[in-house]
Amino acid sequence: MVFGDPALHRPTTPVTRFDEELAVLVEDLVETMAAANGVGLAANQIGSDARVFVYDCPTRRGDPDSTRHRGVLVNPVLTVAPRREWVGEEPDELGDEGCLSVPGESFPLLRSPWARVRGQDVTGRATVVAGTDLFARCLQHETDHLDGFVYLDRLARRENRLARRAVRAQGWGRPGLSWMPGVDRDPFGHDDPDDLLPTADGRAGSDDDDGAAASSDRTADLGAGPGSGAASAGGPAGWGHGLGHRADRDAAGIGRIALR
């Protein structure tokens, strides 16, 4: 879903049944996140109102030696640092944030330097995840999604004006807009054209002339901004399958996500 769709702007519903339907949803989230080069993905961004998100995020942006965190959080409850511990006043100190529901855009946003999330895994077992730096930003960003907030809602006045201008220019702010990871071109520029899956007319992806997101039934989120890199092989127990780079993915799998 793209900014403006009602699904992104209302709280999601707590999960009470840890069954096959939830496992399939988590599998879809992981596949879509990987195809989109995302670091996180919330369920309401692919049309589900379940309170669940997945993540595949390094601790630090652009650091190949940074620890990578992968998992799923169901019914997350977020704790962050006291506001007095948040630092940064100038845009270059805040840290850019991006989102596949605001495709191709990024804006500076001050976030807590650390975050902790308590929740459950896909089987219902209690779990706690904590992190700093980019991973803390990801945890805050994804929990915000499940509470009905897009990161644009958190921007300071100056950045908010720029963001609203971009939304108007792209024609967003209305229901029904979306784009298909692995089929449409990556709005953050991560795609190798050879990795794109063919569309119905045989082309490799699509470029919308007006820059708006292409329409489809399944959509995705870039949890914590551009430049995070593609998901790598492997994944935690309970996801149902490993993560993989786009070039290694089964075209039928991405199509299944598109048509569900």
Protein backbone atom coordinates (compact mmCIF):
# COMPACT_ATOMS: atom_id res chain seq x y z
CA MET A 1 0.00 0.00 0.00
CA VAL A 2 1.15 3.54 -0.75
CA PHE A 3 0.73 6.54 1.54
CA GLY A 4 -2.92 7.58 1.68
CA ASP A 5 -4.46 4.11 1.70
CA PRO A 6 -6.68 3.76 4.80
CA ALA A 7 -4.97 0.49 5.77
CA LEU A 8 -1.80 2.46 6.58
CA HIS A 9 -3.53 5.00 8.77
CA ARG A 10 -5.43 2.88 11.30
CA PRO A 11 -4.19 0.56 14.06
CA THR A 12 -3.89 -3.13 13.29
CA THR A 13 -5.61 -5.94 15.20
CA PRO A 14 -3.76 -8.08 17.79
CA VAL A 15 -3.13 -11.65 16.69
CA THR A 16 -4.93 -14.27 18.78
CA ARG A 17 -4.53 -17.38 16.61
CA PHE A 18 -1.04 -18.73 15.92
CA ASP A 19 -1.99 -21.04 13.10
CA GLU A 20 -1.19 -21.89 9.50
CA GLU A 21 -2.83 -18.70 8.26
CA LEU A 22 -0.39 -16.63 10.34
CA ALA A 23 2.55 -18.74 9.14
CA VAL A 24 1.55 -18.11 5.51
CA LEU A 25 1.24 -14.37 6.16
CA VAL A 26 4.72 -14.28 7.70
CA GLU A 27 6.11 -16.23 4.74
CA ASP A 28 4.53 -13.71 2.36
CA LEU A 29 5.98 -10.82 4.37
CA VAL A 30 9.48 -12.30 4.27
CA GLU A 31 9.32 -12.98 0.51
CA THR A 32 8.05 -9.50 -0.24
CA MET A 33 10.61 -7.84 2.02
CA ALA A 34 13.42 -9.73 0.31
CA ALA A 35 12.16 -8.92 -3.18
CA ALA A 36 11.95 -5.24 -2.21
CA ASN A 37 15.44 -5.05 -0.67
CA GLY A 38 13.70 -4.10 2.55
CA VAL A 39 14.93 -4.15 6.12
CA GLY A 40 11.44 -4.46 7.58
CA LEU A 41 7.84 -5.00 6.52
CA ALA A 42 4.58 -4.60 8.42
CA ALA A 43 1.47 -6.62 7.64
CA ASN A 44 -0.82 -3.66 6.95
CA GLN A 45 1.45 -2.65 4.08
CA ILE A 46 0.44 -5.75 2.17
CA GLY A 47 -3.24 -5.44 3.04
CA SER A 48 -3.49 -7.45 6.28
CA ASP A 49 -4.62 -5.88 9.55
CA ALA A 50 -2.72 -8.42 11.69
CA ARG A 51 -0.35 -6.91 14.26
CA VAL A 52 2.86 -8.47 12.94
CA PHE A 53 6.05 -7.36 11.21
CA VAL A 54 9.22 -9.01 9.95
CA TYR A 55 12.72 -7.60 9.77
CA ASP A 56 16.13 -8.29 8.22
CA CYS A 57 18.20 -5.32 9.33
CA PRO A 58 21.84 -4.56 10.16
CA THR A 59 22.71 -2.70 13.33
CA ARG A 60 24.43 0.04 11.34
CA ARG A 61 23.70 1.36 7.87
CA GLY A 62 26.43 0.75 5.28
CA ASP A 63 28.69 -1.32 7.58
CA PRO A 64 29.41 -4.77 6.08
CA ASP A 65 30.66 -6.00 9.46
CA SER A 66 27.54 -4.93 11.30
CA THR A 67 25.45 -7.60 13.02
CA ARG A 68 22.36 -8.47 10.99
CA HIS A 69 19.08 -9.05 12.81
CA ARG A 70 16.38 -11.27 11.28
CA GLY A 71 13.04 -12.27 12.73
CA VAL A 72 9.32 -11.79 13.17
CA LEU A 73 7.44 -9.93 15.91
CA VAL A 74 3.77 -10.55 16.60
CA ASN A 75 1.81 -8.15 18.84
CA PRO A 76 4.86 -5.92 19.45
CA VAL A 77 5.02 -3.47 22.35
CA LEU A 78 7.70 -0.81 21.94
CA THR A 79 9.89 0.85 24.57
CA VAL A 80 12.29 3.68 23.66
CA ALA A 81 14.75 5.96 25.42
CA PRO A 82 13.49 9.00 27.37
CA ARG A 83 13.06 11.95 25.02
CA ARG A 84 15.91 13.84 26.69
CA GLU A 85 18.32 11.18 25.40
CA TRP A 86 17.38 11.82 21.78
CA VAL A 87 20.01 14.04 20.17
CA GLY A 88 20.31 15.83 16.84
CA GLU A 89 18.90 19.12 15.65
CA GLU A 90 20.25 19.58 12.13
CA PRO A 91 18.96 17.44 9.22
CA ASP A 92 22.33 15.71 8.73
CA GLU A 93 22.28 14.64 12.39
CA LEU A 94 18.81 13.15 12.40
CA GLY A 95 19.30 10.18 10.06
CA ASP A 96 17.35 9.71 6.85
CA GLU A 97 14.38 7.40 6.89
CA GLY A 98 12.51 5.88 3.97
CA CYS A 99 9.54 3.60 3.39
CA LEU A 100 8.19 1.55 0.52
CA SER A 101 4.81 3.08 1.27
CA VAL A 102 6.41 6.40 0.33
CA PRO A 103 8.40 4.96 -2.60
CA GLY A 104 11.58 6.69 -3.70
CA GLU A 105 11.53 9.37 -0.99
CA SER A 106 13.51 9.78 2.23
CA PHE A 107 13.53 12.49 4.89
CA PRO A 108 15.51 13.23 8.08
CA LEU A 109 13.74 12.02 11.21
CA LEU A 110 14.93 12.05 14.81
CA ARG A 111 14.37 8.70 16.53
CA SER A 112 15.31 7.17 19.86
CA PRO A 113 18.93 5.87 19.84
CA TRP A 114 17.76 2.52 21.19
CA ALA A 115 14.56 0.50 21.19
CA ARG A 116 13.19 -2.65 22.78
CA VAL A 117 10.19 -4.60 21.56
CA ARG A 118 8.36 -7.29 23.50
CA GLY A 119 6.07 -9.57 21.58
CA GLN A 120 5.64 -13.11 20.32
CA ASP A 121 7.09 -15.22 17.54
CA VAL A 122 5.05 -16.99 14.88
CA THR A 123 4.30 -19.88 17.29
CA GLY A 124 3.09 -17.57 20.08
CA ARG A 125 6.20 -17.88 22.23
CA ALA A 126 7.17 -14.70 24.12
CA THR A 127 10.19 -12.88 22.73
CA VAL A 128 12.13 -9.67 23.34
CA VAL A 129 14.24 -7.87 20.73
CA ALA A 130 16.39 -4.80 21.36
CA GLY A 131 18.78 -2.74 19.29
CA THR A 132 20.52 0.54 18.60
CA ASP A 133 21.28 2.71 15.58
CA LEU A 134 19.61 1.58 12.33
CA PHE A 135 18.04 -1.49 13.93
CA ALA A 136 16.45 0.69 16.64
CA ARG A 137 15.08 2.91 13.88
CA CYS A 138 13.66 -0.15 12.11
CA LEU A 139 11.92 -1.41 15.26
CA GLN A 140 10.35 2.00 15.85
CA HIS A 141 9.36 2.41 12.19
CA GLU A 142 7.66 -0.98 11.93
CA THR A 143 5.83 -0.71 15.25
CA ASP A 144 4.61 2.71 14.12
CA HIS A 145 3.12 1.09 11.03
CA LEU A 146 1.13 -1.34 13.15
CA ASP A 147 -0.14 1.58 15.24
CA GLY A 148 -1.39 3.34 12.09
CA PHE A 149 1.47 5.81 11.63
CA VAL A 150 3.69 6.33 8.58
CA TYR A 151 7.05 7.97 9.26
CA LEU A 152 5.87 11.14 7.49
CA ASP A 153 3.53 11.63 10.44
CA ARG A 154 6.58 11.99 12.71
CA LEU A 155 8.50 14.58 10.69
CA ALA A 156 9.41 17.99 12.06
CA ARG A 157 7.65 20.98 10.52
CA ARG A 158 10.32 21.77 7.90
CA GLU A 159 10.65 18.17 6.68
CA ASN A 160 6.89 17.70 6.86
CA ARG A 161 6.34 20.52 4.39
CA LEU A 162 8.78 18.92 1.95
CA ALA A 163 7.16 15.53 2.38
CA ARG A 164 3.64 16.81 1.80
CA ARG A 165 4.86 18.55 -1.33
CA ALA A 166 6.32 15.24 -2.58
CA VAL A 167 3.07 13.41 -1.80
CA ARG A 168 1.10 15.93 -3.86
CA ALA A 169 3.61 15.81 -6.73
CA GLN A 170 3.43 12.01 -6.89
CA GLY A 171 -0.37 11.92 -6.76
CA TRP A 172 -0.44 9.88 -3.54
CA GLY A 173 -2.72 10.44 -0.56
CA ARG A 174 -5.59 8.36 -1.93
CA PRO A 175 -6.60 4.68 -1.69
CA GLY A 176 -5.62 1.94 -4.10
CA LEU A 177 -2.03 2.84 -5.03
CA SER A 178 0.69 0.20 -4.77
CA TRP A 179 3.73 -1.28 -6.47
CA MET A 180 5.06 -4.82 -6.90
CA PRO A 181 8.57 -5.64 -5.59
CA GLY A 182 10.55 -7.79 -7.99
CA VAL A 183 8.32 -6.77 -10.90
CA ASP A 184 8.20 -2.99 -10.87
CA ARG A 185 11.50 -1.15 -10.72
CA ASP A 186 12.79 -0.49 -7.23
CA PRO A 187 11.90 3.15 -6.44
CA PHE A 188 15.06 3.45 -4.33
CA GLY A 189 17.30 2.38 -7.22
CA HIS A 190 18.53 -0.96 -5.87
CA ASP A 191 17.48 -3.01 -8.89
CA ASP A 192 19.68 -4.73 -11.41
CA PRO A 193 17.40 -4.91 -14.50
CA ASP A 194 18.47 -8.52 -15.01
CA ASP A 195 16.93 -9.41 -11.65
CA LEU A 196 13.47 -8.05 -12.47
CA LEU A 197 10.75 -10.57 -13.18
CA PRO A 198 8.93 -10.24 -16.53
CA THR A 199 5.55 -8.55 -16.61
CA ALA A 200 2.55 -9.90 -18.51
CA ASP A 201 3.76 -8.30 -21.74
CA GLY A 202 7.26 -9.75 -21.36
CA ARG A 203 9.00 -6.57 -20.21
CA ALA A 204 11.36 -6.53 -17.23
CA GLY A 205 9.44 -4.44 -14.75
CA SER A 206 7.91 -1.05 -15.46
CA ASP A 207 8.65 2.64 -15.20
CA ASP A 208 5.63 4.82 -14.50
CA ASP A 209 5.95 8.11 -16.39
CA ASP A 210 4.54 10.11 -13.49
CA GLY A 211 6.65 8.37 -10.87
CA ALA A 212 3.61 7.15 -8.96
CA ALA A 213 3.58 3.62 -7.55
CA ALA A 214 2.23 0.95 -9.88
CA SER A 215 -1.00 -0.77 -8.91
CA SER A 216 -1.17 -4.34 -7.59
CA ASP A 217 -2.91 -6.39 -4.92
CA ARG A 218 0.19 -6.98 -2.78
CA THR A 219 2.61 -4.28 -1.69
CA ALA A 220 5.67 -3.81 0.51
CA ASP A 221 7.58 -1.65 2.92
CA LEU A 222 11.19 -0.56 3.17
CA GLY A 223 11.46 -0.52 6.89
CA ALA A 224 14.26 1.90 7.61
CA GLY A 225 15.32 3.64 4.47
CA PRO A 226 17.36 3.23 1.33
CA GLY A 227 20.87 1.88 1.08
CA SER A 228 20.30 -1.09 3.37
CA GLY A 229 21.11 -3.79 0.82
CA ALA A 230 19.27 -6.95 -0.21
CA ALA A 231 18.27 -9.68 2.19
CA SER A 232 20.82 -12.49 2.40
CA ALA A 233 20.38 -16.25 2.52
CA GLY A 234 19.18 -17.90 5.69
CA GLY A 235 16.49 -17.05 8.21
CA PRO A 236 15.21 -17.90 11.66
CA ALA A 237 13.16 -20.94 12.48
CA GLY A 238 9.44 -20.30 12.11
CA TRP A 239 9.64 -18.27 8.90
CA GLY A 240 8.95 -21.37 6.82
CA HIS A 241 11.82 -20.77 4.39
CA GLY A 242 15.10 -18.90 4.03
CA LEU A 243 15.54 -15.41 2.71
CA GLY A 244 17.04 -15.07 -0.75
CA HIS A 245 18.27 -12.44 -3.18
CA ARG A 246 15.88 -11.48 -6.00
CA ALA A 247 18.00 -13.17 -8.67
CA ASP A 248 17.59 -16.54 -6.92
CA ARG A 249 13.87 -16.28 -6.31
CA ASP A 250 11.14 -18.37 -7.90
CA ALA A 251 9.00 -16.23 -10.20
CA ALA A 252 5.90 -18.21 -9.20
CA GLY A 253 6.52 -17.30 -5.56
CA ILE A 254 6.49 -13.58 -6.23
CA GLY A 255 3.44 -14.00 -8.44
CA ARG A 256 1.63 -15.82 -5.65
CA ILE A 257 2.24 -12.83 -3.40
CA ALA A 258 0.93 -10.55 -6.11
CA LEU A 259 -2.30 -12.44 -6.58
CA ARG A 260 -3.27 -13.46 -3.06
